[in-house]
Structure formats: structure tokens, C-alpha cells
């Protein structure tokens, strides 16, 4: 089973983007993409926004695969770095969406 959560600016502290976080979807041997999230520019998830989304790995350090405005890229990297352990636990389907949201630390 997989879960998808949209983290908006009130969750992340990053204005102008929605982070699309998944859990449990990529634990299969056929999926070699690794732990990551999607960054969608704007205030909500849309089909067009997903089509143009940017991937950020949950590695240490996080890696942006694609392009983001410089200011947003720095904030997203800082957010992922600060929340890496909780995001990885969620990605591995070890905690619930509620637990993930309760433990997320927004950027300043």
C-alpha cells in the first residue's frame, strides 16, 4: 500500500511550492529510484504542476534532479536535510501520515 501526502507552505515554511511526499510505494525490487519527494511550484497539486515537478532525493545531502528557482531550491534542500529521518521513516511506510506531519520541522 502507498500513501501520498501534500505538504503545503504552512507545513514546510516554504512559500510557493507543494512537496508531494510518498510512502510505501517504492519498496519493491523493481523500483530502483530510491527515496525522494516531488516539488511542485504553486500553491496546490495540479496535473500540469506534477508534469513539471522536480525531484529531490532523501539522501545526505539531498540532491535536486531538475531545476528550481535558487531561493526555493535552497529552502527545499534545508527542509529535506532537517527532516530527512522522518521523511525516510514515512517513505519506508514505518510511520503514519499523522506521525509524519506531527514531527515535520518547518523551515524558518
N, C-alpha and C. Protein backbone atom coordinates (compact mmCIF):
# COMPACT_ATOMS: atom_id res chain seq x y z
N UNK A 1 0.84 -1.17 0.00
CA UNK A 1 0.00 0.00 0.00
C UNK A 1 0.89 1.24 0.00
N UNK A 2 0.48 2.26 -0.72
CA UNK A 2 1.24 3.50 -0.73
C UNK A 2 0.36 4.65 -0.27
N UNK A 3 1.01 5.65 0.25
CA UNK A 3 0.33 6.86 0.70
C UNK A 3 1.00 8.05 0.04
N UNK A 4 0.25 9.06 -0.23
CA UNK A 4 0.79 10.30 -0.78
C UNK A 4 0.29 11.45 0.07
N UNK A 5 1.19 12.35 0.41
CA UNK A 5 0.82 13.50 1.21
C UNK A 5 1.32 14.76 0.54
N UNK A 6 0.48 15.77 0.56
CA UNK A 6 0.85 17.08 0.05
C UNK A 6 1.23 17.96 1.23
N UNK A 7 2.45 18.42 1.26
CA UNK A 7 2.90 19.33 2.30
C UNK A 7 2.91 20.74 1.71
N UNK A 8 2.08 21.60 2.27
CA UNK A 8 1.96 22.98 1.78
C UNK A 8 2.82 23.90 2.64
N UNK A 9 2.84 25.18 2.28
CA UNK A 9 3.75 26.12 2.94
C UNK A 9 3.52 26.20 4.45
N UNK A 10 2.29 26.02 4.92
CA UNK A 10 2.06 26.04 6.37
C UNK A 10 2.70 24.84 7.06
N UNK A 11 2.93 23.75 6.33
CA UNK A 11 3.61 22.58 6.87
C UNK A 11 5.12 22.72 6.79
N UNK A 12 5.60 23.30 5.69
CA UNK A 12 7.04 23.30 5.40
C UNK A 12 7.75 24.62 5.67
N UNK A 13 7.00 25.71 5.65
CA UNK A 13 7.62 27.03 5.76
C UNK A 13 8.18 27.53 4.44
N UNK A 14 7.93 26.80 3.34
CA UNK A 14 8.44 27.17 2.02
C UNK A 14 7.29 27.71 1.19
N UNK A 15 7.30 28.99 0.92
CA UNK A 15 6.22 29.60 0.14
C UNK A 15 6.43 29.33 -1.34
N UNK A 16 5.31 29.10 -2.05
CA UNK A 16 5.36 28.94 -3.50
C UNK A 16 5.54 27.53 -4.01
N UNK A 17 5.52 26.53 -3.10
CA UNK A 17 5.65 25.14 -3.54
C UNK A 17 4.78 24.23 -2.69
N UNK A 18 4.48 23.08 -3.26
CA UNK A 18 3.88 21.97 -2.53
C UNK A 18 4.86 20.81 -2.66
N UNK A 19 5.17 20.17 -1.54
CA UNK A 19 6.02 18.99 -1.58
C UNK A 19 5.11 17.77 -1.57
N UNK A 20 5.30 16.90 -2.54
CA UNK A 20 4.50 15.69 -2.70
C UNK A 20 5.33 14.53 -2.18
N UNK A 21 4.96 14.02 -1.02
CA UNK A 21 5.73 13.00 -0.32
C UNK A 21 5.00 11.67 -0.45
N UNK A 22 5.73 10.62 -0.76
CA UNK A 22 5.11 9.30 -0.88
C UNK A 22 5.67 8.35 0.16
N UNK A 23 4.90 7.31 0.44
CA UNK A 23 5.32 6.29 1.40
C UNK A 23 4.87 4.92 0.94
N UNK A 24 5.75 3.95 1.09
CA UNK A 24 5.40 2.57 0.82
C UNK A 24 5.34 2.21 -0.65
N UNK A 25 5.47 3.16 -1.52
CA UNK A 25 5.29 2.91 -2.95
C UNK A 25 6.52 2.30 -3.61
N UNK A 26 7.68 2.55 -3.06
CA UNK A 26 8.90 2.19 -3.77
C UNK A 26 9.75 1.16 -3.04
N UNK A 27 9.14 0.31 -2.25
CA UNK A 27 9.88 -0.71 -1.52
C UNK A 27 10.07 -1.99 -2.35
N UNK A 28 9.57 -2.00 -3.55
CA UNK A 28 9.65 -3.16 -4.44
C UNK A 28 11.00 -3.19 -5.15
N UNK A 29 11.53 -4.39 -5.42
CA UNK A 29 12.81 -4.54 -6.11
C UNK A 29 12.79 -3.92 -7.50
N UNK A 30 11.60 -3.85 -8.11
CA UNK A 30 11.50 -3.29 -9.45
C UNK A 30 11.71 -1.78 -9.47
N UNK A 31 11.53 -1.13 -8.33
CA UNK A 31 11.70 0.32 -8.23
C UNK A 31 13.11 0.61 -7.75
N UNK A 32 13.92 1.19 -8.60
CA UNK A 32 15.32 1.48 -8.27
C UNK A 32 15.56 2.97 -8.08
N UNK A 33 14.50 3.74 -7.98
CA UNK A 33 14.64 5.20 -7.97
C UNK A 33 15.05 5.74 -6.61
N UNK A 34 14.82 5.06 -5.54
CA UNK A 34 15.21 5.50 -4.22
C UNK A 34 14.25 6.49 -3.60
N UNK A 35 14.50 6.76 -2.32
CA UNK A 35 13.65 7.66 -1.55
C UNK A 35 13.77 9.09 -2.08
N UNK A 36 12.61 9.71 -2.27
CA UNK A 36 12.59 11.05 -2.84
C UNK A 36 11.23 11.67 -2.63
N UNK A 37 11.15 12.95 -2.94
CA UNK A 37 9.87 13.65 -2.96
C UNK A 37 9.83 14.52 -4.20
N UNK A 38 8.65 15.01 -4.51
CA UNK A 38 8.45 15.88 -5.67
C UNK A 38 8.17 17.29 -5.18
N UNK A 39 8.72 18.26 -5.89
CA UNK A 39 8.47 19.67 -5.61
C UNK A 39 7.62 20.21 -6.75
N UNK A 40 6.45 20.71 -6.41
CA UNK A 40 5.53 21.27 -7.39
C UNK A 40 5.41 22.76 -7.12
N UNK A 41 5.76 23.57 -8.11
CA UNK A 41 5.63 25.02 -7.97
C UNK A 41 4.17 25.40 -7.93
N UNK A 42 3.82 26.33 -7.06
CA UNK A 42 2.45 26.78 -6.92
C UNK A 42 1.91 26.46 -5.54
N UNK A 43 0.63 26.70 -5.34
CA UNK A 43 0.04 26.51 -4.02
C UNK A 43 -0.79 25.23 -3.89
N UNK A 44 -0.92 24.47 -5.00
CA UNK A 44 -1.66 23.20 -4.95
C UNK A 44 -1.14 22.26 -6.02
N UNK A 45 -1.45 20.98 -5.85
CA UNK A 45 -1.06 19.96 -6.83
C UNK A 45 -2.03 20.01 -8.00
N UNK A 46 -1.49 20.11 -9.20
CA UNK A 46 -2.29 20.04 -10.43
C UNK A 46 -1.60 19.06 -11.37
N UNK A 47 -2.32 18.60 -12.36
CA UNK A 47 -1.73 17.69 -13.35
C UNK A 47 -0.55 18.36 -14.05
N UNK A 48 -0.72 19.62 -14.41
CA UNK A 48 0.37 20.36 -15.07
C UNK A 48 1.55 20.53 -14.13
N UNK A 49 1.26 20.84 -12.87
CA UNK A 49 2.33 21.00 -11.88
C UNK A 49 3.11 19.72 -11.68
N UNK A 50 2.41 18.60 -11.61
CA UNK A 50 3.10 17.31 -11.46
C UNK A 50 3.95 17.00 -12.68
N UNK A 51 3.44 17.34 -13.85
CA UNK A 51 4.19 17.10 -15.09
C UNK A 51 5.51 17.87 -15.07
N UNK A 52 5.49 19.05 -14.47
CA UNK A 52 6.68 19.91 -14.44
C UNK A 52 7.39 19.87 -13.08
N UNK A 53 7.09 18.88 -12.27
CA UNK A 53 7.67 18.82 -10.93
C UNK A 53 9.16 18.48 -10.98
N UNK A 54 9.82 18.76 -9.87
CA UNK A 54 11.24 18.48 -9.71
C UNK A 54 11.40 17.47 -8.60
N UNK A 55 12.29 16.53 -8.77
CA UNK A 55 12.55 15.50 -7.77
C UNK A 55 13.69 15.93 -6.86
N UNK A 56 13.55 15.63 -5.58
CA UNK A 56 14.62 15.84 -4.61
C UNK A 56 14.80 14.52 -3.86
N UNK A 57 16.04 14.02 -3.86
CA UNK A 57 16.32 12.76 -3.17
C UNK A 57 16.38 12.98 -1.67
N UNK A 58 16.12 11.93 -0.93
CA UNK A 58 16.21 11.99 0.53
C UNK A 58 17.57 11.48 0.99
N UNK A 59 18.58 11.71 0.19
CA UNK A 59 19.95 11.31 0.50
C UNK A 59 20.60 12.36 1.40
N UNK A 60 21.79 12.07 1.86
CA UNK A 60 22.56 13.01 2.67
C UNK A 60 23.85 13.32 1.93
N UNK A 61 23.94 14.46 1.30
CA UNK A 61 22.99 15.57 1.26
C UNK A 61 21.90 15.33 0.21
N UNK A 62 20.78 16.04 0.35
CA UNK A 62 19.72 15.92 -0.66
C UNK A 62 20.22 16.39 -2.02
N UNK A 63 19.69 15.78 -3.07
CA UNK A 63 20.09 16.15 -4.42
C UNK A 63 18.85 16.53 -5.22
N UNK A 64 18.93 17.67 -5.89
CA UNK A 64 17.84 18.14 -6.74
C UNK A 64 18.05 17.58 -8.13
N UNK A 65 17.05 16.88 -8.66
CA UNK A 65 17.11 16.32 -10.01
C UNK A 65 16.14 17.14 -10.85
N UNK A 66 16.67 18.11 -11.53
CA UNK A 66 15.87 19.06 -12.29
C UNK A 66 16.25 20.46 -11.88
N UNK A 67 15.35 21.39 -12.12
CA UNK A 67 15.65 22.79 -11.83
C UNK A 67 14.56 23.41 -10.98
N UNK A 68 15.01 24.24 -10.05
CA UNK A 68 14.13 25.04 -9.20
C UNK A 68 14.72 26.44 -9.11
N UNK A 69 13.88 27.43 -8.87
CA UNK A 69 14.43 28.76 -8.59
C UNK A 69 15.41 28.66 -7.42
N UNK A 70 16.52 29.37 -7.47
CA UNK A 70 17.59 29.25 -6.49
C UNK A 70 17.11 29.38 -5.05
N UNK A 71 16.30 30.36 -4.76
CA UNK A 71 15.81 30.60 -3.40
C UNK A 71 14.98 29.41 -2.91
N UNK A 72 14.11 28.89 -3.77
CA UNK A 72 13.28 27.74 -3.41
C UNK A 72 14.14 26.50 -3.26
N UNK A 73 15.09 26.30 -4.16
CA UNK A 73 15.96 25.12 -4.08
C UNK A 73 16.68 25.07 -2.74
N UNK A 74 17.24 26.18 -2.30
CA UNK A 74 17.93 26.20 -1.01
C UNK A 74 17.00 25.85 0.13
N UNK A 75 15.79 26.41 0.14
CA UNK A 75 14.85 26.13 1.21
C UNK A 75 14.40 24.67 1.20
N UNK A 76 14.18 24.11 0.01
CA UNK A 76 13.78 22.70 -0.09
C UNK A 76 14.90 21.80 0.41
N UNK A 77 16.13 22.08 0.02
CA UNK A 77 17.27 21.28 0.48
C UNK A 77 17.40 21.38 2.00
N UNK A 78 17.26 22.59 2.55
CA UNK A 78 17.33 22.75 4.00
C UNK A 78 16.21 21.98 4.70
N UNK A 79 15.00 22.04 4.13
CA UNK A 79 13.86 21.32 4.70
C UNK A 79 14.11 19.81 4.69
N UNK A 80 14.54 19.28 3.56
CA UNK A 80 14.78 17.84 3.45
C UNK A 80 15.89 17.43 4.41
N UNK A 81 16.96 18.21 4.48
CA UNK A 81 18.07 17.88 5.38
C UNK A 81 17.60 17.85 6.84
N UNK A 82 16.79 18.83 7.22
CA UNK A 82 16.31 18.91 8.61
C UNK A 82 15.31 17.81 8.94
N UNK A 83 14.59 17.32 7.93
CA UNK A 83 13.52 16.34 8.16
C UNK A 83 13.83 14.98 7.55
N UNK A 84 15.04 14.76 7.14
CA UNK A 84 15.40 13.54 6.41
C UNK A 84 14.98 12.27 7.15
N UNK A 85 15.27 12.17 8.43
CA UNK A 85 14.96 10.92 9.15
C UNK A 85 13.46 10.65 9.19
N UNK A 86 12.66 11.67 9.44
CA UNK A 86 11.20 11.47 9.50
C UNK A 86 10.64 11.17 8.10
N UNK A 87 11.16 11.84 7.08
CA UNK A 87 10.71 11.59 5.70
C UNK A 87 11.08 10.18 5.26
N UNK A 88 12.26 9.71 5.66
CA UNK A 88 12.65 8.34 5.31
C UNK A 88 11.79 7.31 6.04
N UNK A 89 11.48 7.57 7.29
CA UNK A 89 10.61 6.65 8.02
C UNK A 89 9.23 6.58 7.36
N UNK A 90 8.74 7.71 6.91
CA UNK A 90 7.45 7.75 6.20
C UNK A 90 7.57 7.03 4.86
N UNK A 91 8.62 7.32 4.11
CA UNK A 91 8.83 6.69 2.80
C UNK A 91 8.89 5.17 2.93
N UNK A 92 9.49 4.69 4.01
CA UNK A 92 9.59 3.24 4.23
C UNK A 92 8.32 2.65 4.84
N UNK A 93 7.28 3.50 4.98
CA UNK A 93 5.99 3.06 5.49
C UNK A 93 6.08 2.56 6.93
N UNK A 94 6.99 3.17 7.72
CA UNK A 94 7.17 2.77 9.11
C UNK A 94 6.37 3.65 10.06
N UNK A 95 5.88 4.79 9.58
CA UNK A 95 5.05 5.66 10.41
C UNK A 95 3.86 6.13 9.57
N UNK A 96 2.85 6.58 10.26
CA UNK A 96 1.64 7.06 9.59
C UNK A 96 1.82 8.49 9.08
N UNK A 97 0.88 8.90 8.25
CA UNK A 97 0.88 10.28 7.77
C UNK A 97 0.77 11.23 8.95
N UNK A 98 -0.09 10.92 9.89
CA UNK A 98 -0.26 11.77 11.08
C UNK A 98 1.07 11.93 11.83
N UNK A 99 1.77 10.83 12.05
CA UNK A 99 3.06 10.89 12.76
C UNK A 99 4.08 11.72 11.97
N UNK A 100 4.08 11.56 10.67
CA UNK A 100 5.00 12.34 9.84
C UNK A 100 4.69 13.82 9.99
N UNK A 101 3.41 14.18 9.85
CA UNK A 101 3.02 15.59 9.94
C UNK A 101 3.30 16.18 11.32
N UNK A 102 3.10 15.40 12.37
CA UNK A 102 3.34 15.89 13.73
C UNK A 102 4.81 16.13 14.01
N UNK A 103 5.70 15.48 13.25
CA UNK A 103 7.14 15.58 13.52
C UNK A 103 7.91 16.43 12.52
N UNK A 104 7.27 16.90 11.49
CA UNK A 104 7.92 17.75 10.49
C UNK A 104 8.34 19.07 11.12
N UNK A 105 9.55 19.51 10.80
CA UNK A 105 10.04 20.80 11.27
C UNK A 105 10.04 21.76 10.10
N UNK A 106 9.19 22.81 10.15
CA UNK A 106 9.16 23.79 9.05
C UNK A 106 10.46 24.59 8.98
N UNK A 107 10.77 25.09 7.79
CA UNK A 107 11.91 25.99 7.61
C UNK A 107 11.58 27.35 8.21
N UNK A 108 12.62 28.07 8.55
CA UNK A 108 12.42 29.45 9.04
C UNK A 108 12.15 30.41 7.91
